[in-house]
Amino acid sequence: MRKYLLTSALCLGIMVVIYFLALRPTRPTKPTISARPNVPSTSLEERICEKVTVQFGDCKKILLFDTNSNLVFAESSSGIIPVLTNKGFTDFKKFIFPMMDFQEFNEEKEENGPIDWRAKNNVQKNFSIIYGFARDDAKTIIINSEGNIQPNRFFVRDNLWVWYVTFQKDKVKLPVKVTVYDVDGQIIFGGNENKY
């Protein structure tokens, strides 16, 4: 009988210890610094606008995020600037110069016709770009000097478009040769005929 009481007391003691261990509050563990994700305090859009404001005086808005080429197009009061970001779209890398200037494009209508262009070689290793403004009458643009490629384009406002194409190479062929077609498929610039 004594053996039975001793075993019962021992079992009861073990159950009391387990009960108190289970009810004991646990403290949350602090994550180590390396376990914390690197979350920026501001969005990429805000950071790009801050850099545009410092460089150009103001930032009106971000017009386009192109995830295929890691480009962002930002607008200031004087023009539009392409911005290169990292692959994860989490960090600003660099401005791509020259900026597309609104006033310059409007003043040089007779010289540049329905479009203008800029080429930037070696933006970074294996990355070059051709970009520019287009007027509304330029419905299709073909870059003949780069194998008849048709660029991307997006509407800005009031008869103004931005067109661009990126290349995974260090240099594009210069001078850039383009053909521009109107809504009816007629050549209005470049090719064999210039109407501007």
N, C-alpha and C. Protein backbone atom coordinates (compact mmCIF):
# COMPACT_ATOMS: atom_id res chain seq x y z
N MET A 1 0.80 -1.17 0.00
CA MET A 1 0.00 0.00 0.00
C MET A 1 0.86 1.27 0.00
N ARG A 2 1.94 1.20 0.75
CA ARG A 2 2.86 2.31 0.80
C ARG A 2 3.46 2.57 -0.59
N LYS A 3 3.76 1.52 -1.31
CA LYS A 3 4.30 1.63 -2.65
C LYS A 3 3.27 2.30 -3.56
N TYR A 4 2.02 1.97 -3.41
CA TYR A 4 0.95 2.52 -4.21
C TYR A 4 0.80 4.02 -3.93
N LEU A 5 0.86 4.44 -2.66
CA LEU A 5 0.75 5.85 -2.29
C LEU A 5 1.96 6.64 -2.81
N LEU A 6 3.13 6.06 -2.72
CA LEU A 6 4.34 6.74 -3.19
C LEU A 6 4.28 6.96 -4.71
N THR A 7 3.81 5.97 -5.44
CA THR A 7 3.69 6.09 -6.90
C THR A 7 2.64 7.13 -7.26
N SER A 8 1.54 7.14 -6.53
CA SER A 8 0.48 8.13 -6.79
C SER A 8 0.98 9.53 -6.49
N ALA A 9 1.71 9.73 -5.41
CA ALA A 9 2.22 11.05 -5.05
C ALA A 9 3.24 11.52 -6.10
N LEU A 10 4.07 10.59 -6.55
CA LEU A 10 5.06 10.94 -7.57
C LEU A 10 4.38 11.33 -8.88
N CYS A 11 3.38 10.61 -9.30
CA CYS A 11 2.63 10.93 -10.53
C CYS A 11 1.92 12.27 -10.39
N LEU A 12 1.32 12.50 -9.23
CA LEU A 12 0.63 13.75 -8.98
C LEU A 12 1.63 14.92 -9.02
N GLY A 13 2.81 14.75 -8.47
CA GLY A 13 3.85 15.77 -8.48
C GLY A 13 4.31 16.09 -9.90
N ILE A 14 4.48 15.06 -10.70
CA ILE A 14 4.90 15.26 -12.10
C ILE A 14 3.82 16.02 -12.87
N MET A 15 2.56 15.67 -12.61
CA MET A 15 1.46 16.35 -13.31
C MET A 15 1.37 17.82 -12.89
N VAL A 16 1.63 18.12 -11.62
CA VAL A 16 1.61 19.51 -11.15
C VAL A 16 2.74 20.30 -11.81
N VAL A 17 3.92 19.70 -11.88
CA VAL A 17 5.06 20.38 -12.53
C VAL A 17 4.74 20.64 -14.00
N ILE A 18 4.20 19.67 -14.72
CA ILE A 18 3.85 19.83 -16.15
C ILE A 18 2.78 20.90 -16.30
N TYR A 19 1.80 20.91 -15.39
CA TYR A 19 0.72 21.89 -15.44
C TYR A 19 1.28 23.30 -15.31
N PHE A 20 2.18 23.52 -14.33
CA PHE A 20 2.74 24.86 -14.14
C PHE A 20 3.68 25.26 -15.28
N LEU A 21 4.38 24.32 -15.86
CA LEU A 21 5.24 24.64 -17.00
C LEU A 21 4.41 25.04 -18.22
N ALA A 22 3.28 24.36 -18.40
CA ALA A 22 2.42 24.65 -19.55
C ALA A 22 1.75 26.01 -19.41
N LEU A 23 1.43 26.43 -18.21
CA LEU A 23 0.75 27.71 -18.00
C LEU A 23 1.70 28.89 -17.89
N ARG A 24 2.98 28.62 -17.78
CA ARG A 24 3.95 29.70 -17.64
C ARG A 24 3.97 30.55 -18.92
N PRO A 25 3.86 31.90 -18.79
CA PRO A 25 3.88 32.74 -20.00
C PRO A 25 5.25 32.71 -20.65
N THR A 26 5.24 32.71 -21.96
CA THR A 26 6.51 32.71 -22.69
C THR A 26 6.77 34.11 -23.22
N ARG A 27 8.01 34.48 -23.28
CA ARG A 27 8.40 35.77 -23.82
C ARG A 27 8.66 35.60 -25.32
N PRO A 28 8.20 36.56 -26.11
CA PRO A 28 8.51 36.45 -27.55
C PRO A 28 10.00 36.64 -27.76
N THR A 29 10.52 35.87 -28.65
CA THR A 29 11.95 35.99 -28.93
C THR A 29 12.17 37.17 -29.86
N LYS A 30 13.24 37.87 -29.65
CA LYS A 30 13.59 38.99 -30.50
C LYS A 30 14.25 38.45 -31.77
N PRO A 31 13.77 38.93 -32.94
CA PRO A 31 14.43 38.47 -34.16
C PRO A 31 15.82 39.08 -34.26
N THR A 32 16.70 38.32 -34.82
CA THR A 32 18.06 38.85 -35.01
C THR A 32 18.01 39.86 -36.15
N ILE A 33 18.98 40.70 -36.23
CA ILE A 33 19.01 41.75 -37.25
C ILE A 33 18.99 41.14 -38.64
N SER A 34 19.68 40.04 -38.84
CA SER A 34 19.72 39.42 -40.17
C SER A 34 18.39 38.79 -40.55
N ALA A 35 17.54 38.49 -39.58
CA ALA A 35 16.25 37.87 -39.88
C ALA A 35 15.20 38.90 -40.27
N ARG A 36 15.43 40.17 -39.99
CA ARG A 36 14.47 41.20 -40.34
C ARG A 36 14.58 41.52 -41.82
N PRO A 37 13.43 41.62 -42.51
CA PRO A 37 13.51 41.98 -43.92
C PRO A 37 13.91 43.44 -44.06
N ASN A 38 14.57 43.74 -45.16
CA ASN A 38 15.00 45.10 -45.43
C ASN A 38 13.85 45.84 -46.10
N VAL A 39 12.99 46.44 -45.30
CA VAL A 39 11.83 47.15 -45.81
C VAL A 39 12.14 48.65 -45.79
N PRO A 40 12.14 49.29 -46.96
CA PRO A 40 12.42 50.72 -46.97
C PRO A 40 11.30 51.50 -46.31
N SER A 41 11.65 52.65 -45.74
CA SER A 41 10.66 53.46 -45.04
C SER A 41 9.74 54.22 -45.99
N THR A 42 10.17 54.44 -47.24
CA THR A 42 9.33 55.09 -48.23
C THR A 42 9.24 54.22 -49.46
N SER A 43 8.20 54.45 -50.25
CA SER A 43 8.02 53.66 -51.47
C SER A 43 9.04 54.09 -52.53
N LEU A 44 9.24 53.23 -53.50
CA LEU A 44 10.16 53.55 -54.60
C LEU A 44 9.69 54.81 -55.32
N GLU A 45 8.40 54.93 -55.52
CA GLU A 45 7.85 56.10 -56.20
C GLU A 45 8.20 57.39 -55.45
N GLU A 46 8.07 57.37 -54.12
CA GLU A 46 8.41 58.55 -53.32
C GLU A 46 9.91 58.85 -53.38
N ARG A 47 10.72 57.80 -53.31
CA ARG A 47 12.17 58.01 -53.35
C ARG A 47 12.62 58.56 -54.70
N ILE A 48 12.03 58.05 -55.79
CA ILE A 48 12.38 58.57 -57.12
C ILE A 48 11.95 60.02 -57.23
N CYS A 49 10.74 60.34 -56.77
CA CYS A 49 10.27 61.73 -56.83
C CYS A 49 11.16 62.65 -56.01
N GLU A 50 11.63 62.19 -54.87
CA GLU A 50 12.55 63.00 -54.06
C GLU A 50 13.83 63.30 -54.83
N LYS A 51 14.38 62.28 -55.51
CA LYS A 51 15.62 62.47 -56.28
C LYS A 51 15.38 63.37 -57.50
N VAL A 52 14.23 63.22 -58.14
CA VAL A 52 13.89 64.09 -59.28
C VAL A 52 13.78 65.54 -58.80
N THR A 53 13.15 65.75 -57.66
CA THR A 53 12.99 67.10 -57.11
C THR A 53 14.35 67.73 -56.80
N VAL A 54 15.25 66.95 -56.22
CA VAL A 54 16.59 67.47 -55.91
C VAL A 54 17.33 67.83 -57.20
N GLN A 55 17.22 66.98 -58.21
CA GLN A 55 17.97 67.17 -59.46
C GLN A 55 17.34 68.22 -60.37
N PHE A 56 16.00 68.24 -60.48
CA PHE A 56 15.33 69.06 -61.49
C PHE A 56 14.38 70.11 -60.91
N GLY A 57 14.25 70.20 -59.60
CA GLY A 57 13.42 71.23 -59.00
C GLY A 57 12.04 70.80 -58.58
N ASP A 58 11.45 69.83 -59.25
CA ASP A 58 10.15 69.33 -58.84
C ASP A 58 9.89 67.97 -59.48
N CYS A 59 8.90 67.28 -58.94
CA CYS A 59 8.47 66.00 -59.51
C CYS A 59 6.95 66.02 -59.53
N LYS A 60 6.39 65.99 -60.72
CA LYS A 60 4.93 66.02 -60.83
C LYS A 60 4.33 64.64 -60.55
N LYS A 61 4.87 63.61 -61.21
CA LYS A 61 4.35 62.26 -61.01
C LYS A 61 5.23 61.24 -61.71
N ILE A 62 4.99 59.99 -61.36
CA ILE A 62 5.61 58.87 -62.06
C ILE A 62 4.62 58.43 -63.13
N LEU A 63 5.06 58.39 -64.38
CA LEU A 63 4.18 58.09 -65.49
C LEU A 63 4.08 56.60 -65.78
N LEU A 64 5.19 55.87 -65.61
CA LEU A 64 5.19 54.47 -66.02
C LEU A 64 6.25 53.69 -65.26
N PHE A 65 5.90 52.48 -64.85
CA PHE A 65 6.84 51.50 -64.33
C PHE A 65 6.91 50.38 -65.36
N ASP A 66 8.07 50.12 -65.93
CA ASP A 66 8.24 49.03 -66.89
C ASP A 66 9.03 47.92 -66.21
N THR A 67 8.33 46.86 -65.82
CA THR A 67 8.97 45.78 -65.07
C THR A 67 9.89 44.93 -65.94
N ASN A 68 9.68 44.95 -67.25
CA ASN A 68 10.55 44.15 -68.13
C ASN A 68 11.95 44.74 -68.26
N SER A 69 12.04 46.06 -68.23
CA SER A 69 13.35 46.70 -68.41
C SER A 69 13.83 47.44 -67.17
N ASN A 70 13.09 47.36 -66.06
CA ASN A 70 13.46 48.04 -64.81
C ASN A 70 13.56 49.55 -64.99
N LEU A 71 12.67 50.10 -65.79
CA LEU A 71 12.65 51.54 -66.03
C LEU A 71 11.43 52.18 -65.38
N VAL A 72 11.62 53.40 -64.93
CA VAL A 72 10.55 54.25 -64.43
C VAL A 72 10.68 55.57 -65.18
N PHE A 73 9.55 56.12 -65.63
CA PHE A 73 9.57 57.42 -66.29
C PHE A 73 8.91 58.42 -65.35
N ALA A 74 9.69 59.44 -64.96
CA ALA A 74 9.22 60.46 -64.02
C ALA A 74 9.07 61.79 -64.75
N GLU A 75 8.03 62.54 -64.38
CA GLU A 75 7.77 63.83 -65.00
C GLU A 75 8.05 64.96 -64.03
N SER A 76 8.80 65.95 -64.52
CA SER A 76 8.98 67.21 -63.79
C SER A 76 8.32 68.29 -64.64
N SER A 77 8.35 69.54 -64.20
CA SER A 77 7.71 70.60 -64.98
C SER A 77 8.45 70.87 -66.28
N SER A 78 9.73 70.51 -66.37
CA SER A 78 10.49 70.78 -67.58
C SER A 78 10.54 69.61 -68.56
N GLY A 79 10.28 68.40 -68.10
CA GLY A 79 10.35 67.28 -69.03
C GLY A 79 10.15 65.94 -68.35
N ILE A 80 10.56 64.90 -69.05
CA ILE A 80 10.42 63.52 -68.57
C ILE A 80 11.80 62.88 -68.56
N ILE A 81 12.10 62.19 -67.47
CA ILE A 81 13.41 61.56 -67.31
C ILE A 81 13.23 60.06 -67.07
N PRO A 82 13.92 59.22 -67.84
CA PRO A 82 13.92 57.79 -67.53
C PRO A 82 14.83 57.52 -66.33
N VAL A 83 14.40 56.60 -65.48
CA VAL A 83 15.15 56.24 -64.28
C VAL A 83 15.34 54.73 -64.29
N LEU A 84 16.56 54.29 -64.07
CA LEU A 84 16.86 52.86 -64.00
C LEU A 84 16.77 52.43 -62.54
N THR A 85 16.08 51.30 -62.28
CA THR A 85 15.96 50.75 -60.93
C THR A 85 16.64 49.39 -60.89
N ASN A 86 16.69 48.81 -59.70
CA ASN A 86 17.22 47.45 -59.61
C ASN A 86 16.17 46.45 -60.07
N LYS A 87 16.54 45.19 -60.17
CA LYS A 87 15.63 44.17 -60.72
C LYS A 87 14.39 43.97 -59.87
N GLY A 88 14.50 44.15 -58.57
CA GLY A 88 13.35 43.96 -57.69
C GLY A 88 12.46 45.18 -57.57
N PHE A 89 12.75 46.26 -58.31
CA PHE A 89 12.01 47.51 -58.23
C PHE A 89 11.94 48.02 -56.79
N THR A 90 13.04 47.88 -56.06
CA THR A 90 13.07 48.34 -54.68
C THR A 90 14.04 49.48 -54.49
N ASP A 91 14.91 49.75 -55.47
CA ASP A 91 15.92 50.78 -55.26
C ASP A 91 16.23 51.55 -56.55
N PHE A 92 16.45 52.83 -56.40
CA PHE A 92 16.87 53.73 -57.47
C PHE A 92 18.32 53.42 -57.84
N LYS A 93 18.62 53.34 -59.14
CA LYS A 93 20.01 53.15 -59.57
C LYS A 93 20.58 54.42 -60.18
N LYS A 94 19.93 54.95 -61.26
CA LYS A 94 20.47 56.17 -61.88
C LYS A 94 19.46 56.79 -62.83
N PHE A 95 19.65 58.10 -63.05
CA PHE A 95 18.92 58.80 -64.09
C PHE A 95 19.56 58.47 -65.42
N ILE A 96 18.76 58.43 -66.48
CA ILE A 96 19.29 58.25 -67.83
C ILE A 96 19.18 59.60 -68.53
N PHE A 97 20.32 60.17 -68.86
CA PHE A 97 20.37 61.49 -69.51
C PHE A 97 20.61 61.33 -70.99
N PRO A 98 20.20 62.26 -71.83
CA PRO A 98 19.55 63.52 -71.49
C PRO A 98 18.06 63.35 -71.25
N MET A 99 17.51 64.31 -70.50
CA MET A 99 16.08 64.33 -70.21
C MET A 99 15.34 64.74 -71.48
N MET A 100 14.09 64.30 -71.62
CA MET A 100 13.24 64.74 -72.72
C MET A 100 12.60 66.07 -72.29
N ASP A 101 13.00 67.14 -72.94
CA ASP A 101 12.60 68.49 -72.56
C ASP A 101 11.36 68.92 -73.35
N PHE A 102 10.28 69.31 -72.64
CA PHE A 102 9.03 69.72 -73.29
C PHE A 102 9.23 70.92 -74.21
N GLN A 103 9.86 71.96 -73.72
CA GLN A 103 10.02 73.20 -74.48
C GLN A 103 10.88 72.98 -75.72
N GLU A 104 11.96 72.24 -75.55
CA GLU A 104 12.85 71.95 -76.69
C GLU A 104 12.10 71.20 -77.78
N PHE A 105 11.27 70.24 -77.41
CA PHE A 105 10.52 69.46 -78.39
C PHE A 105 9.53 70.35 -79.13
N ASN A 106 8.85 71.24 -78.42
CA ASN A 106 7.88 72.13 -79.06
C ASN A 106 8.56 73.14 -79.98
N GLU A 107 9.71 73.64 -79.58
CA GLU A 107 10.41 74.64 -80.38
C GLU A 107 11.04 74.05 -81.64
N GLU A 108 11.37 72.78 -81.63
CA GLU A 108 12.07 72.18 -82.76
C GLU A 108 11.17 71.32 -83.64
N LYS A 109 9.89 71.67 -83.70
CA LYS A 109 8.95 70.89 -84.50
C LYS A 109 9.36 70.81 -85.97
N GLU A 110 9.81 71.93 -86.53
CA GLU A 110 10.20 71.95 -87.94
C GLU A 110 11.43 71.08 -88.20
N GLU A 111 12.35 71.05 -87.25
CA GLU A 111 13.59 70.28 -87.43
C GLU A 111 13.39 68.78 -87.20
N ASN A 112 12.68 68.42 -86.13
CA ASN A 112 12.60 67.00 -85.78
C ASN A 112 11.35 66.31 -86.28
N GLY A 113 10.38 67.04 -86.83
CA GLY A 113 9.18 66.41 -87.35
C GLY A 113 8.30 65.86 -86.24
N PRO A 114 7.65 64.72 -86.48
CA PRO A 114 6.69 64.21 -85.51
C PRO A 114 7.33 63.52 -84.30
N ILE A 115 8.65 63.26 -84.36
CA ILE A 115 9.32 62.59 -83.24
C ILE A 115 10.69 63.21 -83.00
N ASP A 116 11.22 62.96 -81.83
CA ASP A 116 12.63 63.20 -81.58
C ASP A 116 13.16 61.96 -80.88
N TRP A 117 14.45 61.84 -80.78
CA TRP A 117 15.01 60.66 -80.13
C TRP A 117 16.33 60.99 -79.46
N ARG A 118 16.66 60.15 -78.50
CA ARG A 118 17.95 60.17 -77.81
C ARG A 118 18.41 58.72 -77.71
N ALA A 119 19.69 58.52 -77.77
CA ALA A 119 20.24 57.18 -77.58
C ALA A 119 21.23 57.25 -76.42
N LYS A 120 21.16 56.29 -75.55
CA LYS A 120 22.10 56.24 -74.42
C LYS A 120 22.73 54.86 -74.42
N ASN A 121 24.02 54.81 -74.77
CA ASN A 121 24.77 53.56 -74.75
C ASN A 121 25.35 53.33 -73.36
N ASN A 122 25.58 52.09 -73.04
CA ASN A 122 26.24 51.72 -71.78
C ASN A 122 25.58 52.35 -70.55
N VAL A 123 24.26 52.31 -70.48
CA VAL A 123 23.58 52.77 -69.27
C VAL A 123 24.13 51.95 -68.10
N GLN A 124 24.25 50.68 -68.35
CA GLN A 124 24.99 49.75 -67.50
C GLN A 124 25.42 48.61 -68.42
N LYS A 125 26.16 47.66 -67.92
CA LYS A 125 26.65 46.57 -68.77
C LYS A 125 25.47 45.86 -69.43
N ASN A 126 25.56 45.69 -70.75
CA ASN A 126 24.53 45.04 -71.55
C ASN A 126 23.17 45.72 -71.45
N PHE A 127 23.16 47.05 -71.41
CA PHE A 127 21.89 47.77 -71.38
C PHE A 127 22.07 49.13 -72.04
N SER A 128 21.33 49.34 -73.15
CA SER A 128 21.30 50.61 -73.85
C SER A 128 19.84 50.93 -74.16
N ILE A 129 19.57 52.18 -74.48
CA ILE A 129 18.18 52.60 -74.71
C ILE A 129 18.12 53.67 -75.79
N ILE A 130 17.03 53.64 -76.57
CA ILE A 130 16.66 54.73 -77.48
C ILE A 130 15.29 55.19 -77.00
N TYR A 131 15.12 56.51 -76.85
CA TYR A 131 13.86 57.03 -76.32
C TYR A 131 13.62 58.44 -76.85
N GLY A 132 12.37 58.88 -76.77
CA GLY A 132 12.06 60.23 -77.22
C GLY A 132 10.59 60.54 -77.14
N PHE A 133 10.24 61.72 -77.66
CA PHE A 133 8.85 62.17 -77.72
C PHE A 133 8.29 61.88 -79.11
N ALA A 134 6.97 61.74 -79.19
CA ALA A 134 6.28 61.62 -80.46
C ALA A 134 5.00 62.44 -80.39
N ARG A 135 4.64 63.05 -81.53
CA ARG A 135 3.35 63.75 -81.62
C ARG A 135 2.27 62.74 -81.98
N ASP A 136 1.03 63.16 -81.83
CA ASP A 136 -0.11 62.28 -82.05
C ASP A 136 -0.18 61.71 -83.47
N ASP A 137 0.30 62.47 -84.46
CA ASP A 137 0.22 61.98 -85.84
C ASP A 137 1.21 60.87 -86.13
N ALA A 138 2.16 60.62 -85.25
CA ALA A 138 3.10 59.49 -85.41
C ALA A 138 2.45 58.25 -84.79
N LYS A 139 1.75 57.49 -85.61
CA LYS A 139 1.02 56.33 -85.09
C LYS A 139 1.89 55.08 -84.98
N THR A 140 2.86 54.93 -85.87
CA THR A 140 3.76 53.78 -85.83
C THR A 140 5.19 54.27 -86.06
N ILE A 141 6.09 53.80 -85.22
CA ILE A 141 7.51 54.15 -85.34
C ILE A 141 8.29 52.85 -85.53
N ILE A 142 9.15 52.83 -86.53
CA ILE A 142 10.01 51.68 -86.77
C ILE A 142 11.46 52.15 -86.68
N ILE A 143 12.26 51.49 -85.87
CA ILE A 143 13.68 51.83 -85.76
C ILE A 143 14.43 50.94 -86.75
N ASN A 144 14.71 51.51 -87.92
CA ASN A 144 15.35 50.76 -89.01
C ASN A 144 16.79 50.38 -88.69
N SER A 145 17.51 51.26 -88.00
CA SER A 145 18.93 51.01 -87.73
C SER A 145 19.14 49.87 -86.73
N GLU A 146 18.09 49.41 -86.06
CA GLU A 146 18.20 48.30 -85.11
C GLU A 146 17.33 47.10 -85.53
N GLY A 147 17.26 46.86 -86.83
CA GLY A 147 16.56 45.67 -87.30
C GLY A 147 15.05 45.83 -87.37
N ASN A 148 14.58 47.04 -87.66
CA ASN A 148 13.16 47.32 -87.83
C ASN A 148 12.33 46.99 -86.59
N ILE A 149 12.81 47.43 -85.44
CA ILE A 149 12.11 47.21 -84.17
C ILE A 149 11.07 48.29 -83.97
N GLN A 150 9.92 47.90 -83.45
CA GLN A 150 8.88 48.87 -83.10
C GLN A 150 8.95 49.11 -81.59
N PRO A 151 9.13 50.36 -81.16
CA PRO A 151 9.31 50.64 -79.73
C PRO A 151 8.00 50.61 -78.94
N ASN A 152 8.13 50.59 -77.62
CA ASN A 152 7.00 50.77 -76.72
C ASN A 152 6.65 52.25 -76.73
N ARG A 153 5.41 52.56 -76.40
CA ARG A 153 5.06 53.96 -76.25
C ARG A 153 3.91 54.10 -75.28
N PHE A 154 3.83 55.28 -74.66
CA PHE A 154 2.71 55.57 -73.76
C PHE A 154 2.33 57.04 -73.88
N PHE A 155 1.05 57.29 -73.65
CA PHE A 155 0.48 58.62 -73.79
C PHE A 155 0.80 59.45 -72.56
N VAL A 156 1.20 60.71 -72.79
CA VAL A 156 1.46 61.63 -71.69
C VAL A 156 0.27 62.58 -71.55
N ARG A 157 0.00 63.37 -72.60
CA ARG A 157 -1.13 64.29 -72.62
C ARG A 157 -1.09 65.10 -73.91
N ASP A 158 -2.21 65.71 -74.26
CA ASP A 158 -2.30 66.71 -75.33
C ASP A 158 -1.36 66.48 -76.50
N ASN A 159 -1.60 65.47 -77.27
CA ASN A 159 -0.81 65.24 -78.48
C ASN A 159 0.64 64.87 -78.20
N LEU A 160 0.94 64.34 -77.02
CA LEU A 160 2.32 64.01 -76.66
C LEU A 160 2.42 62.57 -76.16
N TRP A 161 3.34 61.85 -76.75
CA TRP A 161 3.62 60.46 -76.38
C TRP A 161 5.10 60.32 -76.07
N VAL A 162 5.44 59.31 -75.27
CA VAL A 162 6.84 58.93 -75.07
C VAL A 162 7.01 57.56 -75.71
N TRP A 163 8.08 57.39 -76.46
CA TRP A 163 8.39 56.07 -77.03
C TRP A 163 9.80 55.68 -76.61
N TYR A 164 10.02 54.38 -76.45
CA TYR A 164 11.33 53.90 -76.00
C TYR A 164 11.49 52.43 -76.33
N VAL A 165 12.74 52.03 -76.44
CA VAL A 165 13.07 50.61 -76.59
C VAL A 165 14.43 50.38 -75.93
N THR A 166 14.55 49.27 -75.23
CA THR A 166 15.81 48.94 -74.56
C THR A 166 16.48 47.77 -75.29
N PHE A 167 17.80 47.71 -75.13
CA PHE A 167 18.59 46.67 -75.78
C PHE A 167 19.52 46.03 -74.76
N GLN A 168 19.68 44.73 -74.86
CA GLN A 168 20.61 44.03 -73.99
C GLN A 168 21.98 43.95 -74.67
N LYS A 169 22.53 45.12 -74.88
CA LYS A 169 23.87 45.23 -75.45
C LYS A 169 24.46 46.57 -75.04
N ASP A 170 25.76 46.71 -75.17
CA ASP A 170 26.43 47.92 -74.71
C ASP A 170 26.18 49.14 -75.61
N LYS A 171 26.00 48.91 -76.92
CA LYS A 171 25.86 50.04 -77.84
C LYS A 171 24.81 49.77 -78.89
N VAL A 172 24.07 50.84 -79.23
CA VAL A 172 23.14 50.79 -80.36
C VAL A 172 23.83 51.47 -81.54
N LYS A 173 23.33 51.18 -82.75
CA LYS A 173 23.92 51.76 -83.95
C LYS A 173 23.53 53.23 -84.05
N LEU A 174 24.52 54.07 -84.29
CA LEU A 174 24.29 55.50 -84.47
C LEU A 174 24.72 55.90 -85.86
N PRO A 175 24.08 56.82 -86.52
CA PRO A 175 22.88 57.51 -86.05
C PRO A 175 21.67 56.59 -86.08
N VAL A 176 20.70 56.87 -85.22
CA VAL A 176 19.46 56.11 -85.19
C VAL A 176 18.65 56.50 -86.43
N LYS A 177 18.21 55.49 -87.19
CA LYS A 177 17.39 55.74 -88.38
C LYS A 177 16.00 55.19 -88.13
N VAL A 178 15.00 56.05 -88.33
CA VAL A 178 13.62 55.66 -88.06
C VAL A 178 12.74 55.97 -89.26
N THR A 179 11.62 55.24 -89.31
CA THR A 179 10.54 55.55 -90.25
C THR A 179 9.29 55.72 -89.41
N VAL A 180 8.54 56.79 -89.68
CA VAL A 180 7.33 57.10 -88.93
C VAL A 180 6.14 57.05 -89.89
N TYR A 181 5.07 56.37 -89.48
CA TYR A 181 3.86 56.22 -90.28
C TYR A 181 2.70 56.93 -89.60
N ASP A 182 1.78 57.44 -90.41
CA ASP A 182 0.58 58.06 -89.85
C ASP A 182 -0.51 57.01 -89.68
N VAL A 183 -1.72 57.45 -89.35
CA VAL A 183 -2.84 56.54 -89.09
C VAL A 183 -3.23 55.73 -90.33
N ASP A 184 -2.94 56.26 -91.52
CA ASP A 184 -3.27 55.56 -92.76
C ASP A 184 -2.14 54.68 -93.27
N GLY A 185 -1.05 54.59 -92.51
CA GLY A 185 0.07 53.77 -92.92
C GLY A 185 1.00 54.45 -93.91
N GLN A 186 0.85 55.75 -94.08
CA GLN A 186 1.70 56.51 -94.98
C GLN A 186 2.94 57.00 -94.23
N ILE A 187 4.09 56.97 -94.90
CA ILE A 187 5.33 57.46 -94.29
C ILE A 187 5.25 58.97 -94.15
N ILE A 188 5.43 59.47 -92.93
CA ILE A 188 5.44 60.92 -92.71
C ILE A 188 6.81 61.42 -92.26
N PHE A 189 7.71 60.50 -91.97
CA PHE A 189 9.06 60.91 -91.58
C PHE A 189 10.00 59.74 -91.79
N GLY A 190 11.21 60.02 -92.26
CA GLY A 190 12.20 58.95 -92.45
C GLY A 190 11.91 58.17 -93.72
N GLY A 191 12.42 56.96 -93.77
CA GLY A 191 12.21 56.14 -94.94
C GLY A 191 12.74 56.85 -96.19
N ASN A 192 11.96 56.80 -97.27
CA ASN A 192 12.37 57.47 -98.52
C ASN A 192 11.75 58.85 -98.66
N GLU A 193 10.87 59.21 -97.72
CA GLU A 193 10.11 60.44 -97.91
C GLU A 193 9.95 61.16 -96.58
N ASN A 194 10.22 62.45 -96.58
CA ASN A 194 10.00 63.29 -95.38
C ASN A 194 8.95 64.32 -95.71
N LYS A 195 7.85 64.34 -94.99
CA LYS A 195 6.83 65.35 -95.20
C LYS A 195 6.98 66.50 -94.24
N TYR A 196 7.88 66.39 -93.24
CA TYR A 196 8.06 67.48 -92.28
C TYR A 196 9.32 68.22 -92.57
